[in-house]
Protein backbone atom coordinates (compact mmCIF):
# COMPACT_ATOMS: atom_id res chain seq x y z
CA MET A 1 0.06 -0.15 0.21
CA LYS A 2 1.44 3.39 -0.69
CA LYS A 3 1.39 5.71 2.31
CA THR A 4 -0.95 8.67 2.53
CA THR A 5 -1.42 11.27 5.16
CA LEU A 6 -5.07 12.85 6.34
CA THR A 7 -6.04 14.92 9.49
CA SER A 8 -7.16 13.41 12.56
CA VAL A 9 -10.46 12.91 13.21
CA SER A 10 -13.14 11.32 15.32
CA ALA A 11 -14.16 7.45 14.08
CA GLY A 12 -17.46 7.87 15.97
CA PRO A 13 -20.00 7.28 12.92
CA LEU A 14 -18.42 3.84 12.46
CA ALA A 15 -19.70 2.43 15.48
CA ASN A 16 -23.39 2.35 15.28
CA LEU A 17 -23.20 2.44 11.05
CA ARG A 18 -25.17 -0.38 9.38
CA ILE A 19 -25.10 -1.00 5.49
CA ARG A 20 -27.98 -2.85 4.25
CA HIS A 21 -26.15 -4.41 1.64
CA THR A 22 -27.43 -6.38 -1.58
CA ARG A 23 -26.68 -9.57 0.20
CA ILE A 24 -28.91 -8.68 3.14
CA ALA A 25 -31.44 -7.23 1.28
CA HIS A 26 -31.44 -10.86 -1.06
CA LEU A 27 -31.66 -12.93 2.07
CA MET A 28 -34.52 -10.46 3.97
CA SER A 29 -36.84 -11.51 1.27
CA GLU A 30 -36.09 -15.24 0.91
CA VAL A 31 -36.38 -15.77 5.08
CA LYS A 32 -39.23 -13.27 5.37
CA SER A 33 -41.13 -15.96 2.50
CA LEU A 34 -40.28 -18.58 5.03
CA LEU A 35 -41.59 -17.15 8.09
CA ASP A 36 -44.81 -18.85 9.05
CA PRO A 37 -45.88 -19.85 12.70
CA GLU A 38 -46.26 -23.77 11.75
CA GLY A 39 -43.36 -23.71 9.49
CA ASP A 40 -39.94 -25.36 9.60
CA ILE A 41 -37.53 -24.27 11.88
CA LEU A 42 -35.30 -21.86 10.06
CA ALA A 43 -31.27 -22.36 10.20
CA LEU A 44 -29.63 -19.22 8.84
CA LEU A 45 -25.87 -20.21 8.68
CA GLY A 46 -22.82 -18.63 7.43
CA PRO A 47 -18.85 -17.70 7.72
CA THR A 48 -17.65 -15.61 10.45
CA GLY A 49 -18.02 -11.77 10.11
CA VAL A 50 -20.24 -12.35 7.47
CA GLY A 51 -23.36 -10.22 8.93
CA LYS A 52 -25.64 -12.78 10.23
CA SER A 53 -26.17 -11.19 13.32
CA MET A 54 -27.30 -8.01 11.65
CA LEU A 55 -29.47 -9.90 9.36
CA GLY A 56 -31.18 -11.19 12.34
CA GLY A 57 -31.62 -7.83 13.96
CA TYR A 58 -33.17 -6.10 10.74
CA LEU A 59 -35.66 -9.24 10.22
CA VAL A 60 -36.99 -8.19 13.95
CA GLU A 61 -36.88 -4.32 13.08
CA ASN A 62 -38.56 -4.97 10.04
CA ALA A 63 -41.71 -7.27 11.75
CA LEU A 64 -41.86 -4.74 14.64
CA LYS A 65 -42.29 -1.70 11.91
CA GLU A 66 -44.66 -3.84 10.25
CA ALA A 67 -46.96 -4.42 13.31
CA GLU A 68 -46.23 -0.85 13.95
CA SER A 69 -50.04 0.07 13.98
CA ALA A 70 -51.08 -2.89 15.72
CA MET A 71 -48.88 -2.64 18.74
CA GLN A 72 -50.01 0.85 19.06
CA ALA A 73 -53.52 -0.65 19.44
CA ASN A 74 -52.38 -3.56 21.85
CA SER A 75 -49.30 -2.26 23.91
CA GLY A 76 -49.03 -6.30 24.73
CA LEU A 77 -48.21 -7.19 21.16
CA MET A 78 -44.72 -8.12 20.27
CA PRO A 79 -44.51 -10.23 16.85
CA ALA A 80 -41.02 -10.52 16.97
CA LEU A 81 -37.85 -11.09 19.62
CA ARG A 82 -33.74 -11.61 19.07
CA ILE A 83 -32.04 -13.14 21.60
CA GLU A 84 -28.42 -14.75 22.18
CA ALA A 85 -27.72 -18.14 23.17
CA VAL A 86 -25.17 -17.25 25.87
CA SER A 87 -22.26 -19.26 26.84
CA SER A 88 -22.54 -19.51 30.40
CA GLY A 89 -19.46 -21.49 31.02
CA GLU A 90 -21.50 -24.10 32.33
CA ALA A 91 -20.41 -27.87 31.66
CA GLU A 92 -23.70 -27.82 29.77
CA PHE A 93 -26.12 -25.79 27.95
CA SER A 94 -27.93 -23.53 30.55
CA TRP A 95 -31.96 -23.33 29.55
CA SER A 96 -32.53 -21.57 33.01
CA LEU A 97 -30.54 -18.87 31.37
CA PHE A 98 -32.00 -19.20 27.94
CA TYR A 99 -35.48 -18.85 29.40
CA GLN A 100 -34.50 -15.79 31.37
CA CYS A 101 -33.23 -14.19 28.29
CA ILE A 102 -36.38 -14.80 26.38
CA LEU A 103 -38.62 -13.56 29.41
CA GLU A 104 -36.14 -10.14 29.58
CA GLY A 105 -36.76 -9.61 26.15
CA LEU A 106 -40.51 -9.60 26.55
CA GLY A 107 -40.14 -7.41 29.27
CA GLU A 108 -41.30 -9.99 31.85
CA ASP A 109 -40.38 -9.21 35.69
CA LEU A 110 -37.91 -11.94 36.57
CA SER A 111 -37.88 -10.89 40.49
CA MET A 112 -41.32 -12.41 40.67
CA PRO A 113 -41.64 -16.08 41.48
CA ARG A 114 -42.30 -18.55 38.46
CA GLN A 115 -44.98 -21.33 40.14
CA VAL A 116 -47.11 -23.76 38.67
CA TYR A 117 -50.72 -23.53 39.84
CA ASP A 118 -53.90 -25.23 39.21
CA VAL A 119 -57.79 -24.54 40.03
CA ASP A 120 -59.59 -26.32 42.42
CA PRO A 121 -62.75 -27.27 40.65
CA ALA A 122 -64.92 -27.20 43.67
CA SER A 123 -63.88 -23.66 44.96
CA GLY A 124 -62.44 -22.22 41.98
CA LEU A 125 -59.26 -21.06 44.52
CA LEU A 126 -56.08 -21.14 42.83
CA LEU A 127 -53.94 -24.44 44.39
CA ARG A 128 -50.27 -24.70 44.10
CA ALA A 129 -49.24 -27.66 42.35
CA ARG A 130 -47.73 -30.13 45.34
CA GLY A 131 -43.92 -30.43 45.00
CA THR A 132 -43.19 -27.77 42.92
CA ARG A 133 -40.65 -25.23 43.88
CA THR A 134 -40.34 -21.77 42.80
CA ASN A 135 -37.90 -20.35 40.03
CA THR A 136 -37.46 -24.32 38.97
CA LEU A 137 -36.16 -24.73 35.06
CA GLY A 138 -40.34 -26.30 34.67
CA GLY A 139 -41.67 -22.99 36.09
CA LEU A 140 -39.23 -21.03 33.59
CA ARG A 141 -40.40 -22.88 30.80
CA LYS A 142 -44.03 -21.97 31.52
CA ALA A 143 -43.72 -18.70 31.84
CA VAL A 144 -42.02 -18.66 28.71
CA GLU A 145 -44.73 -20.44 27.08
CA ASN A 146 -47.54 -18.35 28.63
CA ALA A 147 -45.63 -15.14 27.72
CA LEU A 148 -44.67 -15.95 23.99
CA LEU A 149 -48.52 -16.51 24.02
CA ALA A 150 -49.56 -13.64 25.30
CA ARG A 151 -47.46 -11.31 23.55
CA GLN A 152 -48.52 -13.10 20.28
CA VAL A 153 -44.70 -13.62 19.37
CA GLN A 154 -44.76 -15.13 15.75
CA PHE A 155 -40.99 -15.75 15.23
CA LEU A 156 -37.64 -16.01 17.97
CA VAL A 157 -34.30 -15.09 16.36
CA VAL A 158 -31.56 -17.18 18.60
CA ASP A 159 -28.31 -15.62 17.70
CA GLU A 160 -25.22 -17.89 18.52
CA ALA A 161 -27.17 -20.81 18.17
CA ALA A 162 -24.25 -23.37 18.23
CA HIS A 163 -23.70 -22.60 21.53
CA ILE A 164 -27.11 -24.58 22.46
CA PHE A 165 -25.07 -27.58 21.24
CA HIS A 166 -21.65 -27.14 21.59
CA GLN A 167 -22.09 -27.32 25.27
CA SER A 168 -23.95 -30.70 25.16
CA SER A 169 -22.71 -33.93 25.42
CA PRO A 170 -23.19 -35.74 22.39
CA SER A 171 -26.21 -38.25 23.85
CA LYS A 172 -27.95 -35.07 24.83
CA LEU A 173 -27.64 -33.30 21.18
CA LYS A 174 -31.23 -34.47 20.20
CA ILE A 175 -32.76 -33.75 23.58
CA GLN A 176 -31.64 -29.95 22.83
CA LEU A 177 -32.88 -29.77 19.54
CA ASN A 178 -36.04 -31.72 20.70
CA THR A 179 -36.18 -28.80 23.35
CA LEU A 180 -36.17 -26.19 20.87
CA LYS A 181 -38.89 -27.83 18.84
CA SER A 182 -41.14 -28.42 21.64
CA LEU A 183 -41.05 -25.27 22.56
CA SER A 184 -41.76 -23.83 18.94
CA ASN A 185 -44.93 -26.48 18.70
CA THR A 186 -46.58 -25.45 22.29
CA THR A 187 -46.16 -21.70 21.33
CA GLY A 188 -46.73 -21.48 17.70
CA VAL A 189 -43.21 -19.62 17.70
CA GLN A 190 -40.90 -20.00 14.48
CA LEU A 191 -37.38 -20.45 15.50
CA VAL A 192 -34.76 -19.04 13.51
CA LEU A 193 -31.53 -20.58 14.32
CA VAL A 194 -28.42 -18.28 13.59
CA GLY A 195 -24.88 -19.57 13.50
CA SER A 196 -21.76 -20.52 11.54
CA TYR A 197 -21.33 -23.32 9.46
CA ASP A 198 -20.33 -25.56 12.56
CA LEU A 199 -23.99 -25.37 13.22
CA TYR A 200 -24.89 -27.08 10.11
CA GLU A 201 -24.36 -30.93 10.81
CA LEU A 202 -25.19 -30.54 14.73
CA VAL A 203 -29.25 -29.68 13.46
CA PHE A 204 -29.21 -32.91 11.20
CA LEU A 205 -29.50 -35.00 14.32
CA SER A 206 -31.79 -37.66 12.66
CA GLY A 207 -34.21 -37.64 9.83
CA GLN A 208 -37.61 -36.85 11.72
CA LEU A 209 -35.30 -33.34 12.57
CA ALA A 210 -34.07 -32.84 9.50
CA ARG A 211 -37.37 -32.85 7.70
CA ARG A 212 -38.28 -30.00 10.07
CA ILE A 213 -35.34 -27.61 9.37
CA HIS A 214 -34.74 -25.40 6.38
CA VAL A 215 -31.54 -24.37 5.99
CA VAL A 216 -31.00 -20.64 4.64
CA HIS A 217 -27.18 -20.14 3.61
CA PHE A 218 -25.64 -16.41 3.89
CA PRO A 219 -22.50 -16.93 1.75
CA ARG A 220 -19.42 -14.17 1.49
CA TYR A 221 -18.99 -12.17 -1.49
CA ARG A 222 -16.16 -13.89 -3.76
CA GLU A 223 -13.72 -12.50 -5.51
CA ASP A 224 -13.95 -14.39 -8.94
CA ASN A 225 -17.64 -13.22 -8.99
CA GLU A 226 -17.79 -9.93 -10.68
CA ALA A 227 -21.48 -8.91 -9.26
CA ASP A 228 -19.80 -9.89 -6.13
CA VAL A 229 -16.87 -7.83 -6.17
CA ARG A 230 -18.86 -4.97 -7.32
CA ALA A 231 -21.52 -5.33 -4.00
CA TYR A 232 -18.59 -5.44 -1.81
CA LYS A 233 -16.89 -2.39 -3.31
CA ALA A 234 -20.72 -0.74 -2.96
CA CYS A 235 -20.17 -1.34 0.67
CA VAL A 236 -16.66 -0.25 1.19
CA GLN A 237 -17.92 3.16 -0.86
CA GLN A 238 -20.96 3.45 1.83
CA PHE A 239 -18.26 3.33 4.67
CA GLN A 240 -15.84 6.01 2.93
CA ASN A 241 -19.29 8.15 2.55
CA ALA A 242 -20.47 7.66 6.17
CA ASN A 243 -17.21 9.32 7.55
CA SER A 244 -15.72 11.54 4.76
CA GLU A 245 -13.84 13.74 6.77
CA LEU A 246 -12.14 10.16 8.39
CA TRP A 247 -11.24 8.40 5.08
CA GLY A 248 -11.41 11.38 2.65
CA ASP A 249 -11.84 9.76 -0.92
CA SER A 250 -9.02 7.58 -0.80
CA LEU A 251 -10.66 4.48 0.99
CA MET A 252 -12.04 3.01 -2.28
CA GLU A 253 -8.65 3.00 -3.92
CA TYR A 254 -8.17 0.11 -1.13
CA ALA A 255 -11.13 -1.62 -1.87
CA ASP A 256 -9.76 -4.77 -3.59
CA ALA A 257 -7.44 -4.96 -1.30
CA LEU A 258 -9.64 -5.22 1.70
CA MET A 259 -11.91 -7.62 0.04
CA GLU A 260 -8.94 -9.77 -0.27
CA ASN A 261 -7.91 -9.29 3.40
CA THR A 262 -11.54 -9.91 5.03
CA LEU A 263 -12.48 -12.46 2.38
CA GLY A 264 -15.73 -10.90 1.27
CA CYS A 265 -17.28 -10.49 4.74
CA VAL A 266 -18.89 -7.32 5.09
CA GLY A 267 -18.73 -7.46 9.12
CA THR A 268 -15.33 -8.33 9.25
CA LEU A 269 -14.44 -5.29 7.01
CA LYS A 270 -16.60 -3.21 9.84
CA SER A 271 -14.38 -4.30 12.55
CA VAL A 272 -10.93 -3.69 10.29
CA LEU A 273 -12.39 0.09 9.14
CA LYS A 274 -12.97 0.69 13.39
CA ARG A 275 -9.73 -0.34 14.33
CA ALA A 276 -8.21 1.70 11.44
CA ALA A 277 -10.04 4.37 12.99
CA LYS A 278 -9.17 3.93 16.24
CA PHE A 279 -5.12 3.22 15.34
CA ALA A 280 -5.52 6.90 13.22
CA ASN A 281 -6.62 8.60 16.44
CA GLY A 282 -4.40 6.67 18.82
CA ARG A 283 -1.50 8.03 16.66
CA GLY A 284 -2.73 11.25 15.97
CA LYS A 285 -3.03 11.52 12.34
CA TRP A 286 -4.60 9.25 9.43
CA SER A 287 -2.23 7.13 7.51
CA VAL A 288 -2.53 3.88 5.53
CA ASP A 289 -0.05 2.67 7.71
CA ALA A 290 -3.02 2.84 10.24
CA LEU A 291 -5.18 0.70 7.83
CA GLN A 292 -2.72 -1.84 7.52
CA ALA A 293 -1.93 -2.19 11.06
CA ALA A 294 -5.87 -3.14 10.83
CA LEU A 295 -6.18 -5.79 8.68
CA LEU A 296 -5.94 -9.55 9.81
CA THR A 297 -2.83 -11.13 9.84
CA GLN A 298 -1.66 -13.60 7.56
CA THR A 299 -2.53 -16.21 9.92
CA GLN A 300 -5.85 -15.20 10.98
CA ARG A 301 -6.81 -14.74 7.23
CA GLU A 302 -5.79 -18.27 6.88
CA GLN A 303 -7.54 -19.97 9.39
CA ILE A 304 -10.60 -18.14 8.82
CA LEU A 305 -10.19 -19.09 4.96
CA ARG A 306 -9.77 -22.62 6.26
CA GLU A 307 -13.17 -22.68 8.06
CA ILE A 308 -15.21 -21.14 5.42
CA GLN A 309 -13.82 -23.22 2.60
CA GLU A 310 -14.66 -26.33 4.95
CA GLY A 311 -17.62 -25.18 5.91
CA GLU A 312 -19.10 -24.34 1.77
CA HIS A 313 -18.10 -28.02 0.87
CA ARG A 314 -19.78 -29.58 4.13
CA ILE A 315 -22.86 -27.21 3.22
CA GLU A 316 -23.31 -27.51 -0.29
CA PRO A 317 -25.25 -30.93 0.05
CA GLY A 318 -27.70 -29.20 2.40
CA ILE A 319 -28.57 -26.24 0.28
CA THR A 320 -28.43 -27.99 -3.45
CA ARG A 321 -31.81 -29.15 -4.37
CA GLU A 322 -32.55 -30.99 -7.90
CA LEU A 323 -36.18 -31.73 -9.22
CA HIS A 324 -35.98 -34.88 -11.54
CA LEU A 325 -38.55 -34.14 -14.11
CA PRO A 326 -40.74 -37.11 -15.57
CA LYS A 327 -39.40 -38.88 -18.54
CA LYS A 328 -42.56 -37.43 -20.53
CA SER A 329 -41.77 -33.75 -19.67
CA GLN A 330 -38.02 -34.20 -20.11
CA THR A 331 -39.03 -35.49 -23.87
CA THR A 332 -41.67 -32.85 -24.40
CA LYS A 333 -38.34 -30.06 -23.46
CA ALA A 334 -36.46 -31.91 -25.54
CA THR A 335 -38.72 -31.72 -28.85
CA LYS A 336 -39.41 -27.83 -27.88
CA ASN A 337 -35.79 -27.11 -27.90
CA GLN A 338 -35.36 -28.92 -31.26
CA ARG A 339 -38.31 -26.89 -32.77
CA GLU A 340 -36.67 -23.66 -31.29
CA ALA A 341 -33.39 -24.44 -33.13
CA ALA A 342 -34.96 -25.62 -36.45
């Protein structure tokens, strides 16, 4: 990279900048067409840094915006929710923490005890179920079911969904996925599991479960695809335009180098540019040296590329769909082609 020097300015505008680029827009349309309370679990998979979490956020924001009028009429309505499957550090995935995250997202008061009650058919009085303790896992689960139904949630985006399975022993993997499917069945809430390629093999634990899961691939922009290169450069242009005082008009000059270093992942691009801005301010001036210092190292890039290539190879059979035409249809099609050629 040749050296360029600009003035020192704040990198603040980059912190909250979100770019709704071509890939995001396309996948938004695809996922929205698949959203159905009685539909399959959706598994949104892609490489690290590609923008999966941002897409999940956009899906929820869009659903809330579309339901704005209904939500004004009914303050309890919440058609969509996004949470993260937190890695708690425990030996097994914490469903208790998972349920608490859902309740917090729905605005529930977690200081209230979660207790299972019944109604005495003779007196009509509430009775506490025998042997049931407050704030048990069962109590939390029931509270989540009631809250999701009461708030009329249509779909739940679970970010970092692989954590649910990574912290599970092999014998419990099916149990984890069955727990999710049970939650979907009892509440009518569609689940959108968001994760990197390592989630792919985990969600296909049996034929029964596999038929209930639809995979949506969020691919990176590739250097060997002309349309992808144009789309990626458009993202770089937006980053430049968002804070021209910081970048001047020189950032586009390095678009090809940035695409190669970030492997065509817009989320990684944003991280690189944020670091570059911090380096520039820390040194008291902006220079291309700051940009170069913010790039992924060769080791980092090679490791990420290896994971991406392995993931793309594994997921290919899961996103390839073929429709074999009946022989009669094939013959008709061949005859039609012959006629057109003549």
